[in-house]
Amino acid sequence: MKIKLNGVDMVTHCTTLEDLVMVESHQQNSVATALNGEFVAIKDRADTLLSEGDAIEIIAPMSGG
């Protein structure tokens, strides 16, 4: 299915937000996620189904000064 991840169009076979986070090589506890502009908590990612055209943000914290 076609989705938009962090503003970039892509094709994925992932069906849940949890799967997508793992495929994109992120640690579940080290990122924040949003689906179509709505925050999705870690505990809800496995039950959050992806659909054609969804816009997903996976945001990792940045350190520095």
N, C-alpha and C. Protein backbone atom coordinates (compact mmCIF):
# COMPACT_ATOMS: atom_id res chain seq x y z
N MET A 1 0.84 -1.18 0.00
CA MET A 1 0.00 0.00 0.00
C MET A 1 0.89 1.24 0.00
N LYS A 2 0.36 2.33 -0.52
CA LYS A 2 1.09 3.59 -0.55
C LYS A 2 0.75 4.42 0.68
N ILE A 3 1.78 4.89 1.36
CA ILE A 3 1.63 5.75 2.52
C ILE A 3 2.62 6.91 2.39
N LYS A 4 2.53 7.83 3.32
CA LYS A 4 3.50 8.92 3.40
C LYS A 4 4.16 8.80 4.77
N LEU A 5 5.47 8.58 4.80
CA LEU A 5 6.22 8.45 6.05
C LEU A 5 7.14 9.65 6.18
N ASN A 6 6.91 10.42 7.22
CA ASN A 6 7.71 11.63 7.47
C ASN A 6 7.77 12.51 6.23
N GLY A 7 6.65 12.63 5.53
CA GLY A 7 6.54 13.51 4.38
C GLY A 7 7.00 12.93 3.06
N VAL A 8 7.45 11.65 3.07
CA VAL A 8 7.96 11.01 1.86
C VAL A 8 7.03 9.88 1.45
N ASP A 9 6.62 9.89 0.18
CA ASP A 9 5.77 8.80 -0.33
C ASP A 9 6.56 7.50 -0.35
N MET A 10 5.92 6.43 0.05
CA MET A 10 6.56 5.12 0.03
C MET A 10 5.52 4.03 -0.09
N VAL A 11 5.99 2.83 -0.42
CA VAL A 11 5.13 1.65 -0.48
C VAL A 11 5.57 0.73 0.64
N THR A 12 4.61 0.16 1.35
CA THR A 12 4.92 -0.74 2.46
C THR A 12 3.97 -1.94 2.45
N HIS A 13 4.43 -3.03 3.04
CA HIS A 13 3.60 -4.20 3.24
C HIS A 13 3.17 -4.31 4.70
N CYS A 14 3.61 -3.36 5.53
CA CYS A 14 3.26 -3.36 6.95
C CYS A 14 1.76 -3.10 7.09
N THR A 15 1.17 -3.77 8.07
CA THR A 15 -0.27 -3.59 8.29
C THR A 15 -0.58 -2.81 9.56
N THR A 16 0.40 -2.72 10.48
CA THR A 16 0.19 -1.97 11.72
C THR A 16 1.31 -0.95 11.89
N LEU A 17 1.03 0.03 12.72
CA LEU A 17 2.03 1.05 13.02
C LEU A 17 3.23 0.43 13.73
N GLU A 18 3.00 -0.54 14.59
CA GLU A 18 4.09 -1.22 15.27
C GLU A 18 5.03 -1.89 14.26
N ASP A 19 4.47 -2.59 13.28
CA ASP A 19 5.28 -3.24 12.25
C ASP A 19 6.13 -2.21 11.50
N LEU A 20 5.54 -1.09 11.15
CA LEU A 20 6.25 -0.06 10.40
C LEU A 20 7.42 0.50 11.21
N VAL A 21 7.19 0.76 12.48
CA VAL A 21 8.27 1.27 13.34
C VAL A 21 9.43 0.28 13.37
N MET A 22 9.12 -0.99 13.49
CA MET A 22 10.18 -2.01 13.53
C MET A 22 10.89 -2.14 12.19
N VAL A 23 10.16 -2.13 11.08
CA VAL A 23 10.76 -2.24 9.75
C VAL A 23 11.69 -1.06 9.48
N GLU A 24 11.32 0.09 10.00
CA GLU A 24 12.14 1.28 9.80
C GLU A 24 13.31 1.34 10.79
N SER A 25 13.53 0.24 11.52
CA SER A 25 14.69 0.07 12.42
C SER A 25 14.72 1.06 13.58
N HIS A 26 13.56 1.31 14.15
CA HIS A 26 13.48 2.16 15.34
C HIS A 26 13.16 1.30 16.55
N GLN A 27 13.70 1.69 17.68
CA GLN A 27 13.33 1.05 18.94
C GLN A 27 11.95 1.59 19.34
N GLN A 28 11.05 0.72 19.72
CA GLN A 28 9.68 1.11 20.06
C GLN A 28 9.64 2.21 21.12
N ASN A 29 10.54 2.13 22.11
CA ASN A 29 10.50 3.06 23.23
C ASN A 29 11.24 4.36 22.96
N SER A 30 11.90 4.47 21.81
CA SER A 30 12.74 5.65 21.58
C SER A 30 12.16 6.62 20.55
N VAL A 31 10.94 6.39 20.11
CA VAL A 31 10.33 7.28 19.12
C VAL A 31 8.90 7.64 19.51
N ALA A 32 8.45 8.75 18.95
CA ALA A 32 7.04 9.14 19.06
C ALA A 32 6.41 8.90 17.69
N THR A 33 5.13 8.59 17.68
CA THR A 33 4.46 8.31 16.41
C THR A 33 3.14 9.06 16.32
N ALA A 34 2.80 9.38 15.07
CA ALA A 34 1.51 10.00 14.80
C ALA A 34 0.96 9.40 13.51
N LEU A 35 -0.34 9.25 13.46
CA LEU A 35 -1.04 8.73 12.29
C LEU A 35 -2.07 9.77 11.88
N ASN A 36 -1.90 10.30 10.67
CA ASN A 36 -2.80 11.33 10.15
C ASN A 36 -2.97 12.49 11.13
N GLY A 37 -1.84 12.90 11.73
CA GLY A 37 -1.83 14.06 12.61
C GLY A 37 -2.23 13.80 14.05
N GLU A 38 -2.55 12.56 14.39
CA GLU A 38 -2.96 12.21 15.75
C GLU A 38 -1.89 11.37 16.42
N PHE A 39 -1.46 11.77 17.63
CA PHE A 39 -0.47 11.02 18.39
C PHE A 39 -0.97 9.59 18.64
N VAL A 40 -0.06 8.61 18.51
CA VAL A 40 -0.38 7.22 18.82
C VAL A 40 0.59 6.74 19.89
N ALA A 41 0.06 6.35 21.05
CA ALA A 41 0.87 5.88 22.17
C ALA A 41 1.50 4.52 21.84
N ILE A 42 2.62 4.23 22.48
CA ILE A 42 3.32 2.96 22.27
C ILE A 42 2.36 1.79 22.45
N LYS A 43 1.56 1.82 23.49
CA LYS A 43 0.67 0.70 23.81
C LYS A 43 -0.41 0.47 22.74
N ASP A 44 -0.65 1.47 21.89
CA ASP A 44 -1.70 1.36 20.88
C ASP A 44 -1.17 1.02 19.49
N ARG A 45 0.14 1.01 19.29
CA ARG A 45 0.70 0.82 17.95
C ARG A 45 0.36 -0.53 17.33
N ALA A 46 0.37 -1.60 18.12
CA ALA A 46 0.09 -2.94 17.58
C ALA A 46 -1.35 -3.04 17.07
N ASP A 47 -2.25 -2.26 17.63
CA ASP A 47 -3.66 -2.30 17.24
C ASP A 47 -4.03 -1.20 16.23
N THR A 48 -3.04 -0.38 15.86
CA THR A 48 -3.30 0.72 14.93
C THR A 48 -3.02 0.25 13.51
N LEU A 49 -4.10 0.01 12.76
CA LEU A 49 -3.98 -0.49 11.40
C LEU A 49 -3.67 0.64 10.43
N LEU A 50 -2.83 0.33 9.45
CA LEU A 50 -2.48 1.29 8.41
C LEU A 50 -3.41 1.09 7.22
N SER A 51 -3.70 2.20 6.54
CA SER A 51 -4.55 2.18 5.35
C SER A 51 -3.88 2.95 4.23
N GLU A 52 -4.27 2.63 3.02
CA GLU A 52 -3.79 3.33 1.84
C GLU A 52 -3.92 4.83 2.03
N GLY A 53 -2.84 5.56 1.77
CA GLY A 53 -2.86 7.02 1.84
C GLY A 53 -2.61 7.62 3.21
N ASP A 54 -2.40 6.79 4.24
CA ASP A 54 -2.13 7.32 5.57
C ASP A 54 -0.85 8.14 5.58
N ALA A 55 -0.82 9.14 6.46
CA ALA A 55 0.37 9.94 6.69
C ALA A 55 0.88 9.61 8.09
N ILE A 56 2.09 9.07 8.16
CA ILE A 56 2.67 8.63 9.42
C ILE A 56 3.91 9.45 9.71
N GLU A 57 4.07 9.83 10.97
CA GLU A 57 5.29 10.48 11.43
C GLU A 57 5.92 9.60 12.48
N ILE A 58 7.21 9.33 12.31
CA ILE A 58 8.01 8.63 13.31
C ILE A 58 9.13 9.60 13.68
N ILE A 59 9.10 10.06 14.93
CA ILE A 59 10.01 11.10 15.35
C ILE A 59 10.91 10.60 16.46
N ALA A 60 12.22 10.67 16.22
CA ALA A 60 13.21 10.27 17.21
C ALA A 60 13.74 11.54 17.90
N PRO A 61 13.96 11.48 19.21
CA PRO A 61 14.49 12.65 19.90
C PRO A 61 15.93 12.95 19.43
N MET A 62 16.26 14.22 19.42
CA MET A 62 17.60 14.65 19.04
C MET A 62 18.29 15.20 20.27
N SER A 63 19.55 14.89 20.42
CA SER A 63 20.30 15.45 21.53
C SER A 63 21.28 16.47 20.98
N GLY A 64 21.70 17.32 21.83
CA GLY A 64 22.65 18.35 21.41
C GLY A 64 22.34 19.66 22.09
N GLY A 65 23.06 20.64 21.71
CA GLY A 65 22.88 21.91 22.40
C GLY A 65 22.95 23.02 21.52
